[in-house]
PDB file of N, CA and C in Angstrom:
ATOM      1  N   MET A   1       9.423  -8.095  12.658  1.00  0.00           N
ATOM      2  CA  MET A   1      10.451  -7.532  13.502  1.00  0.00           C
ATOM      3  C   MET A   1      11.393  -6.709  12.626  1.00  0.00           C
ATOM      4  N   VAL A   2      11.684  -5.510  13.075  1.00  0.00           N
ATOM      5  CA  VAL A   2      12.624  -4.652  12.379  1.00  0.00           C
ATOM      6  C   VAL A   2      13.983  -4.836  13.012  1.00  0.00           C
ATOM      7  N   ARG A   3      14.946  -5.172  12.204  1.00  0.00           N
ATOM      8  CA  ARG A   3      16.307  -5.332  12.716  1.00  0.00           C
ATOM      9  C   ARG A   3      17.089  -4.073  12.383  1.00  0.00           C
ATOM     10  N   LEU A   4      17.618  -3.460  13.393  1.00  0.00           N
ATOM     11  CA  LEU A   4      18.433  -2.269  13.193  1.00  0.00           C
ATOM     12  C   LEU A   4      19.889  -2.656  13.347  1.00  0.00           C
ATOM     13  N   LYS A   5      20.679  -2.339  12.336  1.00  0.00           N
ATOM     14  CA  LYS A   5      22.105  -2.629  12.400  1.00  0.00           C
ATOM     15  C   LYS A   5      22.771  -1.476  13.131  1.00  0.00           C
ATOM     16  N   ARG A   6      23.441  -1.801  14.209  1.00  0.00           N
ATOM     17  CA  ARG A   6      24.112  -0.753  14.969  1.00  0.00           C
ATOM     18  C   ARG A   6      25.276  -1.320  15.765  1.00  0.00           C
ATOM     19  N   ASP A   7      26.187  -0.437  16.092  1.00  0.00           N
ATOM     20  CA  ASP A   7      27.287  -0.810  16.965  1.00  0.00           C
ATOM     21  C   ASP A   7      26.841  -0.557  18.398  1.00  0.00           C
ATOM     22  N   LYS A   8      27.763  -0.694  19.321  1.00  0.00           N
ATOM     23  CA  LYS A   8      27.427  -0.462  20.727  1.00  0.00           C
ATOM     24  C   LYS A   8      27.416   1.027  21.020  1.00  0.00           C
ATOM     25  N   LYS A   9      26.428   1.697  20.466  1.00  0.00           N
ATOM     26  CA  LYS A   9      26.258   3.127  20.714  1.00  0.00           C
ATOM     27  C   LYS A   9      24.788   3.452  20.575  1.00  0.00           C
ATOM     28  N   LYS A  10      24.386   4.599  21.084  1.00  0.00           N
ATOM     29  CA  LYS A  10      22.997   5.005  20.956  1.00  0.00           C
ATOM     30  C   LYS A  10      22.705   5.421  19.522  1.00  0.00           C
ATOM     31  N   ILE A  11      21.502   5.146  19.090  1.00  0.00           N
ATOM     32  CA  ILE A  11      21.096   5.535  17.739  1.00  0.00           C
ATOM     33  C   ILE A  11      20.539   6.950  17.800  1.00  0.00           C
ATOM     34  N   THR A  12      21.067   7.817  16.961  1.00  0.00           N
ATOM     35  CA  THR A  12      20.568   9.187  16.894  1.00  0.00           C
ATOM     36  C   THR A  12      19.339   9.227  16.006  1.00  0.00           C
ATOM     37  N   GLU A  13      18.583  10.316  16.062  1.00  0.00           N
ATOM     38  CA  GLU A  13      17.370  10.439  15.253  1.00  0.00           C
ATOM     39  C   GLU A  13      17.660  10.341  13.766  1.00  0.00           C
ATOM     40  N   SER A  14      18.785  10.863  13.325  1.00  0.00           N
ATOM     41  CA  SER A  14      19.110  10.805  11.906  1.00  0.00           C
ATOM     42  C   SER A  14      19.396   9.375  11.461  1.00  0.00           C
ATOM     43  N   GLU A  15      19.926   8.547  12.352  1.00  0.00           N
ATOM     44  CA  GLU A  15      20.222   7.157  12.022  1.00  0.00           C
ATOM     45  C   GLU A  15      18.958   6.297  11.982  1.00  0.00           C
ATOM     46  N   VAL A  16      17.942   6.677  12.725  1.00  0.00           N
ATOM     47  CA  VAL A  16      16.695   5.923  12.723  1.00  0.00           C
ATOM     48  C   VAL A  16      16.083   5.959  11.329  1.00  0.00           C
ATOM     49  N   GLY A  17      16.213   7.050  10.613  1.00  0.00           N
ATOM     50  CA  GLY A  17      15.713   7.159   9.254  1.00  0.00           C
ATOM     51  C   GLY A  17      16.400   6.199   8.298  1.00  0.00           C
ATOM     52  N   GLU A  18      17.551   5.694   8.671  1.00  0.00           N
ATOM     53  CA  GLU A  18      18.321   4.771   7.844  1.00  0.00           C
ATOM     54  C   GLU A  18      18.098   3.317   8.261  1.00  0.00           C
ATOM     55  N   ALA A  19      17.004   3.034   8.957  1.00  0.00           N
ATOM     56  CA  ALA A  19      16.723   1.673   9.416  1.00  0.00           C
ATOM     57  C   ALA A  19      16.624   0.737   8.224  1.00  0.00           C
ATOM     58  N   LYS A  20      17.081  -0.478   8.420  1.00  0.00           N
ATOM     59  CA  LYS A  20      17.018  -1.482   7.366  1.00  0.00           C
ATOM     60  C   LYS A  20      15.913  -2.467   7.712  1.00  0.00           C
ATOM     61  N   TYR A  21      15.180  -2.873   6.717  1.00  0.00           N
ATOM     62  CA  TYR A  21      14.069  -3.795   6.902  1.00  0.00           C
ATOM     63  C   TYR A  21      14.386  -5.096   6.189  1.00  0.00           C
ATOM     64  N   TYR A  22      14.002  -6.211   6.814  1.00  0.00           N
ATOM     65  CA  TYR A  22      14.305  -7.529   6.272  1.00  0.00           C
ATOM     66  C   TYR A  22      13.032  -8.353   6.180  1.00  0.00           C
ATOM     67  N   CYS A  23      12.947  -9.164   5.153  1.00  0.00           N
ATOM     68  CA  CYS A  23      11.820 -10.072   4.964  1.00  0.00           C
ATOM     69  C   CYS A  23      11.797 -11.066   6.125  1.00  0.00           C
ATOM     70  N   SER A  24      10.624 -11.263   6.716  1.00  0.00           N
ATOM     71  CA  SER A  24      10.506 -12.175   7.853  1.00  0.00           C
ATOM     72  C   SER A  24      10.587 -13.642   7.432  1.00  0.00           C
ATOM     73  N   VAL A  25      10.530 -13.924   6.131  1.00  0.00           N
ATOM     74  CA  VAL A  25      10.592 -15.304   5.648  1.00  0.00           C
ATOM     75  C   VAL A  25      11.998 -15.645   5.153  1.00  0.00           C
ATOM     76  N   CYS A  26      12.506 -14.865   4.193  1.00  0.00           N
ATOM     77  CA  CYS A  26      13.794 -15.218   3.580  1.00  0.00           C
ATOM     78  C   CYS A  26      14.962 -14.387   4.105  1.00  0.00           C
ATOM     79  N   GLY A  27      14.697 -13.290   4.798  1.00  0.00           N
ATOM     80  CA  GLY A  27      15.751 -12.475   5.376  1.00  0.00           C
ATOM     81  C   GLY A  27      16.363 -11.452   4.439  1.00  0.00           C
ATOM     82  N   ARG A  28      15.849 -11.341   3.222  1.00  0.00           N
ATOM     83  CA  ARG A  28      16.377 -10.376   2.260  1.00  0.00           C
ATOM     84  C   ARG A  28      16.072  -8.947   2.712  1.00  0.00           C
ATOM     85  N   GLU A  29      16.991  -8.022   2.465  1.00  0.00           N
ATOM     86  CA  GLU A  29      16.755  -6.632   2.801  1.00  0.00           C
ATOM     87  C   GLU A  29      15.720  -6.060   1.840  1.00  0.00           C
ATOM     88  N   ILE A  30      14.709  -5.372   2.397  1.00  0.00           N
ATOM     89  CA  ILE A  30      13.641  -4.797   1.586  1.00  0.00           C
ATOM     90  C   ILE A  30      13.398  -3.354   2.002  1.00  0.00           C
ATOM     91  N   SER A  31      12.653  -2.633   1.191  1.00  0.00           N
ATOM     92  CA  SER A  31      12.345  -1.239   1.503  1.00  0.00           C
ATOM     93  C   SER A  31      11.289  -1.163   2.604  1.00  0.00           C
ATOM     94  N   LYS A  32      11.188  -0.015   3.237  1.00  0.00           N
ATOM     95  CA  LYS A  32      10.188   0.193   4.277  1.00  0.00           C
ATOM     96  C   LYS A  32       8.787   0.031   3.695  1.00  0.00           C
ATOM     97  N   GLU A  33       8.578   0.532   2.485  1.00  0.00           N
ATOM     98  CA  GLU A  33       7.276   0.452   1.837  1.00  0.00           C
ATOM     99  C   GLU A  33       6.871  -1.007   1.608  1.00  0.00           C
ATOM    100  N   GLU A  34       7.816  -1.802   1.105  1.00  0.00           N
ATOM    101  CA  GLU A  34       7.549  -3.219   0.860  1.00  0.00           C
ATOM    102  C   GLU A  34       7.293  -3.943   2.183  1.00  0.00           C
ATOM    103  N   TYR A  35       8.063  -3.611   3.206  1.00  0.00           N
ATOM    104  CA  TYR A  35       7.921  -4.201   4.535  1.00  0.00           C
ATOM    105  C   TYR A  35       6.517  -3.967   5.090  1.00  0.00           C
ATOM    106  N   GLU A  36       6.027  -2.736   4.935  1.00  0.00           N
ATOM    107  CA  GLU A  36       4.707  -2.384   5.459  1.00  0.00           C
ATOM    108  C   GLU A  36       3.575  -2.915   4.581  1.00  0.00           C
ATOM    109  N   ALA A  37       3.772  -2.934   3.273  1.00  0.00           N
ATOM    110  CA  ALA A  37       2.703  -3.327   2.353  1.00  0.00           C
ATOM    111  C   ALA A  37       2.457  -4.827   2.324  1.00  0.00           C
ATOM    112  N   TYR A  38       3.489  -5.619   2.531  1.00  0.00           N
ATOM    113  CA  TYR A  38       3.376  -7.069   2.379  1.00  0.00           C
ATOM    114  C   TYR A  38       3.591  -7.826   3.693  1.00  0.00           C
ATOM    115  N   ASP A  39       3.076  -7.283   4.785  1.00  0.00           N
ATOM    116  CA  ASP A  39       3.108  -7.976   6.077  1.00  0.00           C
ATOM    117  C   ASP A  39       4.510  -8.421   6.484  1.00  0.00           C
ATOM    118  N   GLU A  40       5.457  -7.521   6.394  1.00  0.00           N
ATOM    119  CA  GLU A  40       6.848  -7.754   6.804  1.00  0.00           C
ATOM    120  C   GLU A  40       7.564  -8.788   5.938  1.00  0.00           C
ATOM    121  N   MET A  41       7.108  -8.962   4.684  1.00  0.00           N
ATOM    122  CA  MET A  41       7.734  -9.903   3.753  1.00  0.00           C
ATOM    123  C   MET A  41       8.101  -9.173   2.464  1.00  0.00           C
ATOM    124  N   CYS A  42       9.048  -9.757   1.721  1.00  0.00           N
ATOM    125  CA  CYS A  42       9.324  -9.240   0.389  1.00  0.00           C
ATOM    126  C   CYS A  42       8.172  -9.669  -0.520  1.00  0.00           C
ATOM    127  N   TRP A  43       8.060  -9.050  -1.678  1.00  0.00           N
ATOM    128  CA  TRP A  43       6.942  -9.347  -2.567  1.00  0.00           C
ATOM    129  C   TRP A  43       6.922 -10.811  -2.971  1.00  0.00           C
ATOM    130  N   GLU A  44       8.091 -11.398  -3.235  1.00  0.00           N
ATOM    131  CA  GLU A  44       8.156 -12.779  -3.689  1.00  0.00           C
ATOM    132  C   GLU A  44       7.632 -13.746  -2.622  1.00  0.00           C
ATOM    133  N   CYS A  45       8.045 -13.563  -1.370  1.00  0.00           N
ATOM    134  CA  CYS A  45       7.581 -14.437  -0.289  1.00  0.00           C
ATOM    135  C   CYS A  45       6.099 -14.220  -0.018  1.00  0.00           C
ATOM    136  N   TRP A  46       5.644 -12.969  -0.080  1.00  0.00           N
ATOM    137  CA  TRP A  46       4.228 -12.673   0.117  1.00  0.00           C
ATOM    138  C   TRP A  46       3.395 -13.344  -0.972  1.00  0.00           C
ATOM    139  N   ASP A  47       3.851 -13.260  -2.219  1.00  0.00           N
ATOM    140  CA  ASP A  47       3.142 -13.867  -3.337  1.00  0.00           C
ATOM    141  C   ASP A  47       3.097 -15.394  -3.185  1.00  0.00           C
ATOM    142  N   ASP A  48       4.217 -15.990  -2.780  1.00  0.00           N
ATOM    143  CA  ASP A  48       4.248 -17.441  -2.547  1.00  0.00           C
ATOM    144  C   ASP A  48       3.259 -17.841  -1.464  1.00  0.00           C
ATOM    145  N   ARG A  49       3.202 -17.066  -0.395  1.00  0.00           N
ATOM    146  CA  ARG A  49       2.293 -17.378   0.706  1.00  0.00           C
ATOM    147  C   ARG A  49       0.838 -17.258   0.257  1.00  0.00           C
ATOM    148  N   MET A  50       0.518 -16.213  -0.519  1.00  0.00           N
ATOM    149  CA  MET A  50      -0.851 -16.040  -1.007  1.00  0.00           C
ATOM    150  C   MET A  50      -1.225 -17.176  -1.962  1.00  0.00           C
ATOM    151  N   THR A  51      -0.292 -17.607  -2.801  1.00  0.00           N
ATOM    152  CA  THR A  51      -0.546 -18.706  -3.734  1.00  0.00           C
ATOM    153  C   THR A  51      -0.805 -19.999  -2.965  1.00  0.00           C
ATOM    154  N   GLU A  52      -0.036 -20.252  -1.916  1.00  0.00           N
ATOM    155  CA  GLU A  52      -0.237 -21.447  -1.095  1.00  0.00           C
ATOM    156  C   GLU A  52      -1.608 -21.433  -0.435  1.00  0.00           C
ATOM    157  N   GLU A  53      -2.049 -20.264   0.059  1.00  0.00           N
ATOM    158  CA  GLU A  53      -3.356 -20.165   0.700  1.00  0.00           C
ATOM    159  C   GLU A  53      -4.476 -20.424  -0.295  1.00  0.00           C
ATOM    160  N   ILE A  54      -4.325 -19.940  -1.516  1.00  0.00           N
ATOM    161  CA  ILE A  54      -5.336 -20.170  -2.536  1.00  0.00           C
ATOM    162  C   ILE A  54      -5.391 -21.656  -2.879  1.00  0.00           C
ATOM    163  N   ASP A  55      -4.230 -22.292  -3.008  1.00  0.00           N
ATOM    164  CA  ASP A  55      -4.177 -23.714  -3.337  1.00  0.00           C
ATOM    165  C   ASP A  55      -4.839 -24.565  -2.263  1.00  0.00           C
ATOM    166  N   THR A  56      -4.693 -24.209  -1.010  1.00  0.00           N
ATOM    167  CA  THR A  56      -5.255 -25.022   0.069  1.00  0.00           C
ATOM    168  C   THR A  56      -6.746 -24.783   0.258  1.00  0.00           C
ATOM    169  N   THR A  57      -7.265 -23.654  -0.203  1.00  0.00           N
ATOM    170  CA  THR A  57      -8.692 -23.371  -0.052  1.00  0.00           C
ATOM    171  C   THR A  57      -9.460 -23.626  -1.340  1.00  0.00           C
ATOM    172  N   GLU A  58      -8.770 -23.923  -2.407  1.00  0.00           N
ATOM    173  CA  GLU A  58      -9.415 -24.137  -3.689  1.00  0.00           C
ATOM    174  C   GLU A  58     -10.309 -25.370  -3.644  1.00  0.00           C
ATOM    175  N   GLY A  59     -11.494 -25.239  -4.155  1.00  0.00           N
ATOM    176  CA  GLY A  59     -12.397 -26.362  -4.232  1.00  0.00           C
ATOM    177  C   GLY A  59     -13.262 -26.566  -3.005  1.00  0.00           C
ATOM    178  N   THR A  60     -13.035 -25.843  -1.934  1.00  0.00           N
ATOM    179  CA  THR A  60     -13.831 -26.058  -0.730  1.00  0.00           C
ATOM    180  C   THR A  60     -15.270 -25.608  -0.944  1.00  0.00           C
ATOM    181  N   ASP A  61     -15.493 -24.536  -1.688  1.00  0.00           N
ATOM    182  CA  ASP A  61     -16.848 -24.076  -1.961  1.00  0.00           C
ATOM    183  C   ASP A  61     -17.579 -25.024  -2.908  1.00  0.00           C
ATOM    184  N   GLU A  62     -16.862 -25.636  -3.819  1.00  0.00           N
ATOM    185  CA  GLU A  62     -17.475 -26.521  -4.804  1.00  0.00           C
ATOM    186  C   GLU A  62     -17.942 -27.818  -4.181  1.00  0.00           C
ATOM    187  N   GLU A  63     -17.306 -28.237  -3.102  1.00  0.00           N
ATOM    188  CA  GLU A  63     -17.663 -29.503  -2.457  1.00  0.00           C
ATOM    189  C   GLU A  63     -18.824 -29.354  -1.496  1.00  0.00           C
ATOM    190  N   PHE A  64     -19.177 -28.124  -1.139  1.00  0.00           N
ATOM    191  CA  PHE A  64     -20.251 -27.896  -0.188  1.00  0.00           C
ATOM    192  C   PHE A  64     -21.594 -28.162  -0.867  1.00  0.00           C
ATOM    193  N   VAL A  65     -22.369 -29.053  -0.280  1.00  0.00           N
ATOM    194  CA  VAL A  65     -23.693 -29.361  -0.823  1.00  0.00           C
ATOM    195  C   VAL A  65     -24.712 -29.066   0.257  1.00  0.00           C
ATOM    196  N   PRO A  66     -25.532 -28.024   0.065  1.00  0.00           N
ATOM    197  CA  PRO A  66     -26.534 -27.685   1.093  1.00  0.00           C
ATOM    198  C   PRO A  66     -27.634 -28.746   1.128  1.00  0.00           C
ATOM    199  N   MET A  67     -28.226 -28.942   2.277  1.00  0.00           N
ATOM    200  CA  MET A  67     -29.289 -29.951   2.428  1.00  0.00           C
ATOM    201  C   MET A  67     -30.641 -29.330   2.267  1.00  0.00           C
TER     202      MET A  67
END
């Protein structure tokens, strides 16, 4: 979700270019590039999530014994 900081007024086209992006996990303000590249997360939260996924799937292939 992109959060746009605005007052009670319409956003002009020039203001849309100044949109602020926030990490969906920790809420830190991040760049548009980082927002798009790391699934709406900052690099640190994205890296933590990828590390957690690797830890939970580690060893599953080694335990598989075909019959």
